[in-house]
PDB file of N, CA and C in Angstrom:
ATOM      1  N   MET A   1      -6.395   4.008 -14.384  1.00  0.00           N
ATOM      2  CA  MET A   1      -5.758   5.225 -13.922  1.00  0.00           C
ATOM      3  C   MET A   1      -4.641   4.853 -12.957  1.00  0.00           C
ATOM      4  N   ARG A   2      -3.552   5.555 -13.010  1.00  0.00           N
ATOM      5  CA  ARG A   2      -2.414   5.315 -12.137  1.00  0.00           C
ATOM      6  C   ARG A   2      -2.256   6.504 -11.208  1.00  0.00           C
ATOM      7  N   VAL A   3      -1.989   6.233  -9.929  1.00  0.00           N
ATOM      8  CA  VAL A   3      -1.774   7.265  -8.918  1.00  0.00           C
ATOM      9  C   VAL A   3      -0.416   7.033  -8.276  1.00  0.00           C
ATOM     10  N   THR A   4       0.337   8.082  -8.088  1.00  0.00           N
ATOM     11  CA  THR A   4       1.644   7.983  -7.452  1.00  0.00           C
ATOM     12  C   THR A   4       1.590   8.670  -6.097  1.00  0.00           C
ATOM     13  N   LEU A   5       2.126   8.001  -5.082  1.00  0.00           N
ATOM     14  CA  LEU A   5       2.201   8.564  -3.743  1.00  0.00           C
ATOM     15  C   LEU A   5       3.660   8.820  -3.407  1.00  0.00           C
ATOM     16  N   ASP A   6       3.956   9.976  -2.889  1.00  0.00           N
ATOM     17  CA  ASP A   6       5.312  10.304  -2.465  1.00  0.00           C
ATOM     18  C   ASP A   6       5.386  10.052  -0.961  1.00  0.00           C
ATOM     19  N   ILE A   7       5.922   8.871  -0.578  1.00  0.00           N
ATOM     20  CA  ILE A   7       6.007   8.501   0.832  1.00  0.00           C
ATOM     21  C   ILE A   7       7.431   8.063   1.151  1.00  0.00           C
ATOM     22  N   THR A   8       7.751   8.062   2.418  1.00  0.00           N
ATOM     23  CA  THR A   8       9.092   7.637   2.835  1.00  0.00           C
ATOM     24  C   THR A   8       9.217   6.132   2.665  1.00  0.00           C
ATOM     25  N   SER A   9      10.452   5.653   2.639  1.00  0.00           N
ATOM     26  CA  SER A   9      10.663   4.211   2.529  1.00  0.00           C
ATOM     27  C   SER A   9      10.126   3.497   3.766  1.00  0.00           C
ATOM     28  N   GLU A  10      10.168   4.140   4.916  1.00  0.00           N
ATOM     29  CA  GLU A  10       9.622   3.551   6.140  1.00  0.00           C
ATOM     30  C   GLU A  10       8.105   3.408   6.038  1.00  0.00           C
ATOM     31  N   ALA A  11       7.428   4.434   5.522  1.00  0.00           N
ATOM     32  CA  ALA A  11       5.978   4.355   5.346  1.00  0.00           C
ATOM     33  C   ALA A  11       5.629   3.273   4.327  1.00  0.00           C
ATOM     34  N   HIS A  12       6.420   3.151   3.280  1.00  0.00           N
ATOM     35  CA  HIS A  12       6.209   2.108   2.274  1.00  0.00           C
ATOM     36  C   HIS A  12       6.335   0.736   2.911  1.00  0.00           C
ATOM     37  N   ARG A  13       7.355   0.544   3.727  1.00  0.00           N
ATOM     38  CA  ARG A  13       7.574  -0.732   4.402  1.00  0.00           C
ATOM     39  C   ARG A  13       6.391  -1.063   5.315  1.00  0.00           C
ATOM     40  N   GLN A  14       5.916  -0.065   6.047  1.00  0.00           N
ATOM     41  CA  GLN A  14       4.783  -0.282   6.950  1.00  0.00           C
ATOM     42  C   GLN A  14       3.529  -0.666   6.166  1.00  0.00           C
ATOM     43  N   LEU A  15       3.243   0.058   5.092  1.00  0.00           N
ATOM     44  CA  LEU A  15       2.074  -0.260   4.272  1.00  0.00           C
ATOM     45  C   LEU A  15       2.174  -1.667   3.679  1.00  0.00           C
ATOM     46  N   LYS A  16       3.352  -1.993   3.175  1.00  0.00           N
ATOM     47  CA  LYS A  16       3.558  -3.301   2.568  1.00  0.00           C
ATOM     48  C   LYS A  16       3.367  -4.410   3.598  1.00  0.00           C
ATOM     49  N   THR A  17       3.894  -4.209   4.796  1.00  0.00           N
ATOM     50  CA  THR A  17       3.765  -5.201   5.867  1.00  0.00           C
ATOM     51  C   THR A  17       2.316  -5.357   6.289  1.00  0.00           C
ATOM     52  N   LEU A  18       1.622  -4.252   6.507  1.00  0.00           N
ATOM     53  CA  LEU A  18       0.220  -4.312   6.915  1.00  0.00           C
ATOM     54  C   LEU A  18      -0.650  -4.949   5.835  1.00  0.00           C
ATOM     55  N   ALA A  19      -0.369  -4.622   4.578  1.00  0.00           N
ATOM     56  CA  ALA A  19      -1.128  -5.216   3.478  1.00  0.00           C
ATOM     57  C   ALA A  19      -0.906  -6.728   3.441  1.00  0.00           C
ATOM     58  N   ALA A  20       0.349  -7.148   3.547  1.00  0.00           N
ATOM     59  CA  ALA A  20       0.647  -8.581   3.524  1.00  0.00           C
ATOM     60  C   ALA A  20       0.001  -9.287   4.708  1.00  0.00           C
ATOM     61  N   PHE A  21       0.064  -8.678   5.874  1.00  0.00           N
ATOM     62  CA  PHE A  21      -0.540  -9.272   7.069  1.00  0.00           C
ATOM     63  C   PHE A  21      -2.053  -9.389   6.903  1.00  0.00           C
ATOM     64  N   SER A  22      -2.647  -8.489   6.136  1.00  0.00           N
ATOM     65  CA  SER A  22      -4.085  -8.517   5.888  1.00  0.00           C
ATOM     66  C   SER A  22      -4.451  -9.402   4.706  1.00  0.00           C
ATOM     67  N   GLY A  23      -3.446  -9.974   4.038  1.00  0.00           N
ATOM     68  CA  GLY A  23      -3.707 -10.824   2.877  1.00  0.00           C
ATOM     69  C   GLY A  23      -4.137 -10.052   1.656  1.00  0.00           C
ATOM     70  N   MET A  24      -3.664  -8.801   1.529  1.00  0.00           N
ATOM     71  CA  MET A  24      -4.050  -7.950   0.404  1.00  0.00           C
ATOM     72  C   MET A  24      -2.812  -7.424  -0.305  1.00  0.00           C
ATOM     73  N   THR A  25      -3.028  -6.966  -1.520  1.00  0.00           N
ATOM     74  CA  THR A  25      -1.983  -6.215  -2.191  1.00  0.00           C
ATOM     75  C   THR A  25      -1.956  -4.825  -1.551  1.00  0.00           C
ATOM     76  N   MET A  26      -0.875  -4.089  -1.765  1.00  0.00           N
ATOM     77  CA  MET A  26      -0.819  -2.724  -1.232  1.00  0.00           C
ATOM     78  C   MET A  26      -1.948  -1.880  -1.812  1.00  0.00           C
ATOM     79  N   LYS A  27      -2.210  -2.046  -3.088  1.00  0.00           N
ATOM     80  CA  LYS A  27      -3.274  -1.284  -3.737  1.00  0.00           C
ATOM     81  C   LYS A  27      -4.613  -1.544  -3.050  1.00  0.00           C
ATOM     82  N   ASP A  28      -4.936  -2.825  -2.849  1.00  0.00           N
ATOM     83  CA  ASP A  28      -6.202  -3.163  -2.219  1.00  0.00           C
ATOM     84  C   ASP A  28      -6.248  -2.699  -0.764  1.00  0.00           C
ATOM     85  N   PHE A  29      -5.126  -2.795  -0.063  1.00  0.00           N
ATOM     86  CA  PHE A  29      -5.082  -2.346   1.329  1.00  0.00           C
ATOM     87  C   PHE A  29      -5.365  -0.844   1.416  1.00  0.00           C
ATOM     88  N   ILE A  30      -4.712  -0.061   0.559  1.00  0.00           N
ATOM     89  CA  ILE A  30      -4.897   1.393   0.575  1.00  0.00           C
ATOM     90  C   ILE A  30      -6.336   1.748   0.177  1.00  0.00           C
ATOM     91  N   LEU A  31      -6.858   1.098  -0.868  1.00  0.00           N
ATOM     92  CA  LEU A  31      -8.246   1.347  -1.262  1.00  0.00           C
ATOM     93  C   LEU A  31      -9.209   0.990  -0.140  1.00  0.00           C
ATOM     94  N   ASN A  32      -8.964  -0.136   0.517  1.00  0.00           N
ATOM     95  CA  ASN A  32      -9.823  -0.557   1.617  1.00  0.00           C
ATOM     96  C   ASN A  32      -9.825   0.462   2.737  1.00  0.00           C
ATOM     97  N   ARG A  33      -8.645   0.960   3.107  1.00  0.00           N
ATOM     98  CA  ARG A  33      -8.555   1.921   4.199  1.00  0.00           C
ATOM     99  C   ARG A  33      -9.145   3.281   3.805  1.00  0.00           C
ATOM    100  N   ALA A  34      -8.970   3.655   2.553  1.00  0.00           N
ATOM    101  CA  ALA A  34      -9.431   4.974   2.113  1.00  0.00           C
ATOM    102  C   ALA A  34     -10.915   4.995   1.735  1.00  0.00           C
ATOM    103  N   LEU A  35     -11.385   3.918   1.090  1.00  0.00           N
ATOM    104  CA  LEU A  35     -12.735   3.933   0.532  1.00  0.00           C
ATOM    105  C   LEU A  35     -13.658   2.855   1.076  1.00  0.00           C
ATOM    106  N   GLY A  36     -13.149   1.922   1.836  1.00  0.00           N
ATOM    107  CA  GLY A  36     -13.958   0.827   2.363  1.00  0.00           C
ATOM    108  C   GLY A  36     -13.822  -0.427   1.537  1.00  0.00           C
ATOM    109  N   SER A  37     -14.342  -1.522   2.042  1.00  0.00           N
ATOM    110  CA  SER A  37     -14.139  -2.828   1.416  1.00  0.00           C
ATOM    111  C   SER A  37     -14.783  -2.951   0.043  1.00  0.00           C
ATOM    112  N   GLU A  38     -15.821  -2.193  -0.247  1.00  0.00           N
ATOM    113  CA  GLU A  38     -16.459  -2.263  -1.566  1.00  0.00           C
ATOM    114  C   GLU A  38     -15.475  -1.895  -2.678  1.00  0.00           C
ATOM    115  N   ALA A  39     -14.577  -0.947  -2.398  1.00  0.00           N
ATOM    116  CA  ALA A  39     -13.575  -0.550  -3.395  1.00  0.00           C
ATOM    117  C   ALA A  39     -12.626  -1.699  -3.696  1.00  0.00           C
ATOM    118  N   VAL A  40     -12.294  -2.491  -2.693  1.00  0.00           N
ATOM    119  CA  VAL A  40     -11.398  -3.630  -2.905  1.00  0.00           C
ATOM    120  C   VAL A  40     -12.073  -4.669  -3.772  1.00  0.00           C
ATOM    121  N   ILE A  41     -13.337  -4.919  -3.512  1.00  0.00           N
ATOM    122  CA  ILE A  41     -14.076  -5.895  -4.315  1.00  0.00           C
ATOM    123  C   ILE A  41     -14.091  -5.466  -5.778  1.00  0.00           C
ATOM    124  N   LYS A  42     -14.327  -4.168  -6.023  1.00  0.00           N
ATOM    125  CA  LYS A  42     -14.364  -3.665  -7.390  1.00  0.00           C
ATOM    126  C   LYS A  42     -12.991  -3.672  -8.041  1.00  0.00           C
ATOM    127  N   SER A  43     -11.906  -3.594  -7.237  1.00  0.00           N
ATOM    128  CA  SER A  43     -10.565  -3.511  -7.810  1.00  0.00           C
ATOM    129  C   SER A  43      -9.971  -4.881  -8.111  1.00  0.00           C
ATOM    130  N   ALA A  44     -10.605  -5.948  -7.672  1.00  0.00           N
ATOM    131  CA  ALA A  44     -10.031  -7.293  -7.825  1.00  0.00           C
ATOM    132  C   ALA A  44     -10.308  -7.835  -9.224  1.00  0.00           C
ATOM    133  N   ARG A  45      -9.898  -7.082 -10.222  1.00  0.00           N
ATOM    134  CA  ARG A  45     -10.104  -7.484 -11.607  1.00  0.00           C
ATOM    135  C   ARG A  45      -9.376  -8.794 -11.884  1.00  0.00           C
ATOM    136  N   GLY A  46     -10.021  -9.670 -12.592  1.00  0.00           N
ATOM    137  CA  GLY A  46      -9.373 -10.892 -13.029  1.00  0.00           C
ATOM    138  C   GLY A  46      -9.328 -11.985 -11.977  1.00  0.00           C
ATOM    139  N   LYS A  47      -9.735 -11.711 -10.761  1.00  0.00           N
ATOM    140  CA  LYS A  47      -9.708 -12.745  -9.731  1.00  0.00           C
ATOM    141  C   LYS A  47     -10.885 -13.683  -9.966  1.00  0.00           C
ATOM    142  N   PRO A  48     -10.607 -14.971 -10.176  1.00  0.00           N
ATOM    143  CA  PRO A  48     -11.703 -15.917 -10.422  1.00  0.00           C
ATOM    144  C   PRO A  48     -12.634 -16.041  -9.220  1.00  0.00           C
ATOM    145  N   ASP A  49     -13.910 -16.263  -9.488  1.00  0.00           N
ATOM    146  CA  ASP A  49     -14.875 -16.491  -8.414  1.00  0.00           C
ATOM    147  C   ASP A  49     -14.440 -17.690  -7.589  1.00  0.00           C
ATOM    148  N   GLY A  50     -14.613 -17.585  -6.295  1.00  0.00           N
ATOM    149  CA  GLY A  50     -14.274 -18.690  -5.405  1.00  0.00           C
ATOM    150  C   GLY A  50     -12.820 -18.715  -4.970  1.00  0.00           C
ATOM    151  N   MET A  51     -11.976 -17.889  -5.555  1.00  0.00           N
ATOM    152  CA  MET A  51     -10.564 -17.852  -5.172  1.00  0.00           C
ATOM    153  C   MET A  51     -10.398 -16.796  -4.089  1.00  0.00           C
ATOM    154  N   ASP A  52      -9.811 -17.196  -2.952  1.00  0.00           N
ATOM    155  CA  ASP A  52      -9.634 -16.207  -1.892  1.00  0.00           C
ATOM    156  C   ASP A  52      -8.429 -15.317  -2.187  1.00  0.00           C
ATOM    157  N   GLU A  53      -8.265 -14.262  -1.392  1.00  0.00           N
ATOM    158  CA  GLU A  53      -7.204 -13.278  -1.635  1.00  0.00           C
ATOM    159  C   GLU A  53      -5.811 -13.912  -1.604  1.00  0.00           C
ATOM    160  N   THR A  54      -5.586 -14.829  -0.669  1.00  0.00           N
ATOM    161  CA  THR A  54      -4.266 -15.463  -0.563  1.00  0.00           C
ATOM    162  C   THR A  54      -3.965 -16.274  -1.810  1.00  0.00           C
ATOM    163  N   GLU A  55      -4.915 -17.071  -2.261  1.00  0.00           N
ATOM    164  CA  GLU A  55      -4.714 -17.852  -3.486  1.00  0.00           C
ATOM    165  C   GLU A  55      -4.443 -16.933  -4.670  1.00  0.00           C
ATOM    166  N   TYR A  56      -5.191 -15.835  -4.740  1.00  0.00           N
ATOM    167  CA  TYR A  56      -5.016 -14.882  -5.825  1.00  0.00           C
ATOM    168  C   TYR A  56      -3.619 -14.268  -5.797  1.00  0.00           C
ATOM    169  N   LEU A  57      -3.175 -13.865  -4.607  1.00  0.00           N
ATOM    170  CA  LEU A  57      -1.842 -13.272  -4.490  1.00  0.00           C
ATOM    171  C   LEU A  57      -0.751 -14.277  -4.841  1.00  0.00           C
ATOM    172  N   LEU A  58      -0.909 -15.522  -4.406  1.00  0.00           N
ATOM    173  CA  LEU A  58       0.113 -16.531  -4.665  1.00  0.00           C
ATOM    174  C   LEU A  58       0.056 -17.077  -6.081  1.00  0.00           C
ATOM    175  N   SER A  59      -0.986 -16.749  -6.836  1.00  0.00           N
ATOM    176  CA  SER A  59      -1.048 -17.196  -8.227  1.00  0.00           C
ATOM    177  C   SER A  59      -0.023 -16.463  -9.085  1.00  0.00           C
ATOM    178  N   SER A  60       0.510 -15.358  -8.556  1.00  0.00           N
ATOM    179  CA  SER A  60       1.575 -14.640  -9.242  1.00  0.00           C
ATOM    180  C   SER A  60       2.903 -15.313  -8.922  1.00  0.00           C
ATOM    181  N   PRO A  61       3.670 -15.744  -9.939  1.00  0.00           N
ATOM    182  CA  PRO A  61       4.963 -16.375  -9.668  1.00  0.00           C
ATOM    183  C   PRO A  61       5.904 -15.488  -8.850  1.00  0.00           C
ATOM    184  N   ALA A  62       5.862 -14.179  -9.081  1.00  0.00           N
ATOM    185  CA  ALA A  62       6.732 -13.269  -8.333  1.00  0.00           C
ATOM    186  C   ALA A  62       6.348 -13.254  -6.852  1.00  0.00           C
ATOM    187  N   ASN A  63       5.041 -13.186  -6.561  1.00  0.00           N
ATOM    188  CA  ASN A  63       4.597 -13.207  -5.165  1.00  0.00           C
ATOM    189  C   ASN A  63       4.923 -14.537  -4.507  1.00  0.00           C
ATOM    190  N   ALA A  64       4.713 -15.636  -5.220  1.00  0.00           N
ATOM    191  CA  ALA A  64       5.006 -16.961  -4.669  1.00  0.00           C
ATOM    192  C   ALA A  64       6.500 -17.092  -4.361  1.00  0.00           C
ATOM    193  N   ALA A  65       7.353 -16.565  -5.244  1.00  0.00           N
ATOM    194  CA  ALA A  65       8.801 -16.624  -5.012  1.00  0.00           C
ATOM    195  C   ALA A  65       9.206 -15.793  -3.803  1.00  0.00           C
ATOM    196  N   ARG A  66       8.605 -14.605  -3.647  1.00  0.00           N
ATOM    197  CA  ARG A  66       8.908 -13.774  -2.475  1.00  0.00           C
ATOM    198  C   ARG A  66       8.487 -14.464  -1.192  1.00  0.00           C
ATOM    199  N   LEU A  67       7.316 -15.105  -1.204  1.00  0.00           N
ATOM    200  CA  LEU A  67       6.853 -15.812  -0.015  1.00  0.00           C
ATOM    201  C   LEU A  67       7.786 -16.973   0.302  1.00  0.00           C
ATOM    202  N   GLU A  68       8.161 -17.726  -0.703  1.00  0.00           N
ATOM    203  CA  GLU A  68       9.076 -18.858  -0.506  1.00  0.00           C
ATOM    204  C   GLU A  68      10.395 -18.387   0.100  1.00  0.00           C
ATOM    205  N   ALA A  69      10.939 -17.284  -0.413  1.00  0.00           N
ATOM    206  CA  ALA A  69      12.188 -16.740   0.130  1.00  0.00           C
ATOM    207  C   ALA A  69      12.007 -16.290   1.578  1.00  0.00           C
ATOM    208  N   ALA A  70      10.875 -15.670   1.876  1.00  0.00           N
ATOM    209  CA  ALA A  70      10.624 -15.190   3.236  1.00  0.00           C
ATOM    210  C   ALA A  70      10.472 -16.352   4.215  1.00  0.00           C
ATOM    211  N   VAL A  71       9.805 -17.405   3.773  1.00  0.00           N
ATOM    212  CA  VAL A  71       9.589 -18.563   4.649  1.00  0.00           C
ATOM    213  C   VAL A  71      10.916 -19.203   5.033  1.00  0.00           C
ATOM    214  N   HIS A  72      11.870 -19.226   4.122  1.00  0.00           N
ATOM    215  CA  HIS A  72      13.146 -19.873   4.383  1.00  0.00           C
ATOM    216  C   HIS A  72      14.233 -18.911   4.859  1.00  0.00           C
ATOM    217  N   SER A  73      13.864 -17.670   5.085  1.00  0.00           N
ATOM    218  CA  SER A  73      14.826 -16.660   5.537  1.00  0.00           C
ATOM    219  C   SER A  73      15.143 -16.859   7.009  1.00  0.00           C
ATOM    220  N   GLU A  74      16.384 -16.599   7.366  1.00  0.00           N
ATOM    221  CA  GLU A  74      16.793 -16.671   8.772  1.00  0.00           C
ATOM    222  C   GLU A  74      16.352 -15.424   9.525  1.00  0.00           C
ATOM    223  N   LYS A  75      15.913 -14.402   8.826  1.00  0.00           N
ATOM    224  CA  LYS A  75      15.526 -13.132   9.430  1.00  0.00           C
ATOM    225  C   LYS A  75      14.026 -13.056   9.706  1.00  0.00           C
ATOM    226  N   ARG A  76      13.367 -14.190   9.721  1.00  0.00           N
ATOM    227  CA  ARG A  76      11.921 -14.225   9.896  1.00  0.00           C
ATOM    228  C   ARG A  76      11.489 -13.755  11.279  1.00  0.00           C
ATOM    229  N   VAL A  77      10.394 -13.045  11.311  1.00  0.00           N
ATOM    230  CA  VAL A  77       9.760 -12.610  12.552  1.00  0.00           C
ATOM    231  C   VAL A  77       8.282 -12.934  12.406  1.00  0.00           C
ATOM    232  N   SER A  78       7.665 -13.405  13.469  1.00  0.00           N
ATOM    233  CA  SER A  78       6.233 -13.671  13.386  1.00  0.00           C
ATOM    234  C   SER A  78       5.502 -12.961  14.522  1.00  0.00           C
ATOM    235  N   PHE A  79       4.250 -12.688  14.270  1.00  0.00           N
ATOM    236  CA  PHE A  79       3.404 -11.986  15.228  1.00  0.00           C
ATOM    237  C   PHE A  79       2.125 -12.785  15.413  1.00  0.00           C
ATOM    238  N   ALA A  80       1.668 -12.890  16.636  1.00  0.00           N
ATOM    239  CA  ALA A  80       0.460 -13.650  16.937  1.00  0.00           C
ATOM    240  C   ALA A  80      -0.800 -12.867  16.578  1.00  0.00           C
ATOM    241  N   THR A  81      -0.721 -11.546  16.662  1.00  0.00           N
ATOM    242  CA  THR A  81      -1.901 -10.727  16.389  1.00  0.00           C
ATOM    243  C   THR A  81      -1.515  -9.521  15.554  1.00  0.00           C
ATOM    244  N   GLU A  82      -2.520  -8.904  14.959  1.00  0.00           N
ATOM    245  CA  GLU A  82      -2.289  -7.677  14.208  1.00  0.00           C
ATOM    246  C   GLU A  82      -1.801  -6.571  15.142  1.00  0.00           C
ATOM    247  N   GLU A  83      -2.296  -6.569  16.373  1.00  0.00           N
ATOM    248  CA  GLU A  83      -1.863  -5.558  17.351  1.00  0.00           C
ATOM    249  C   GLU A  83      -0.371  -5.680  17.647  1.00  0.00           C
ATOM    250  N   GLU A  84       0.145  -6.908  17.776  1.00  0.00           N
ATOM    251  CA  GLU A  84       1.587  -7.110  17.986  1.00  0.00           C
ATOM    252  C   GLU A  84       2.374  -6.546  16.809  1.00  0.00           C
ATOM    253  N   LEU A  85       1.910  -6.794  15.604  1.00  0.00           N
ATOM    254  CA  LEU A  85       2.560  -6.278  14.407  1.00  0.00           C
ATOM    255  C   LEU A  85       2.551  -4.755  14.412  1.00  0.00           C
ATOM    256  N   ARG A  86       1.400  -4.170  14.660  1.00  0.00           N
ATOM    257  CA  ARG A  86       1.294  -2.703  14.691  1.00  0.00           C
ATOM    258  C   ARG A  86       2.244  -2.111  15.731  1.00  0.00           C
ATOM    259  N   SER A  87       2.311  -2.742  16.888  1.00  0.00           N
ATOM    260  CA  SER A  87       3.208  -2.265  17.939  1.00  0.00           C
ATOM    261  C   SER A  87       4.667  -2.359  17.486  1.00  0.00           C
ATOM    262  N   ALA A  88       5.019  -3.449  16.835  1.00  0.00           N
ATOM    263  CA  ALA A  88       6.407  -3.653  16.402  1.00  0.00           C
ATOM    264  C   ALA A  88       6.841  -2.636  15.355  1.00  0.00           C
ATOM    265  N   ILE A  89       5.909  -2.198  14.506  1.00  0.00           N
ATOM    266  CA  ILE A  89       6.286  -1.228  13.470  1.00  0.00           C
ATOM    267  C   ILE A  89       5.888   0.188  13.823  1.00  0.00           C
ATOM    268  N   GLY A  90       5.436   0.365  15.052  1.00  0.00           N
ATOM    269  CA  GLY A  90       5.190   1.719  15.550  1.00  0.00           C
ATOM    270  C   GLY A  90       3.885   2.346  15.115  1.00  0.00           C
ATOM    271  N   LEU A  91       2.862   1.560  14.901  1.00  0.00           N
ATOM    272  CA  LEU A  91       1.554   2.112  14.533  1.00  0.00           C
ATOM    273  C   LEU A  91       0.589   2.034  15.684  1.00  0.00           C
TER     274      LEU A  91
END
């Protein structure tokens, strides 16, 4: 089943950032926040046993390329804690 959310680009950016900081896809992050961690476990179709979320996300060539570009970007920002990140994006 596919669900569409009508959100602002700022809200999309915040969700994407929080999901990445949590090591999840946006889908898994939203399911986790809305339904709890059991929903994320059930949604991780195709993830091999023993593979953590980061390995699973980076197994996608598109995700790996985005991470590589971000690592080498001059516009990089880092946060020591999730609270620092939340504060920086206004949550």
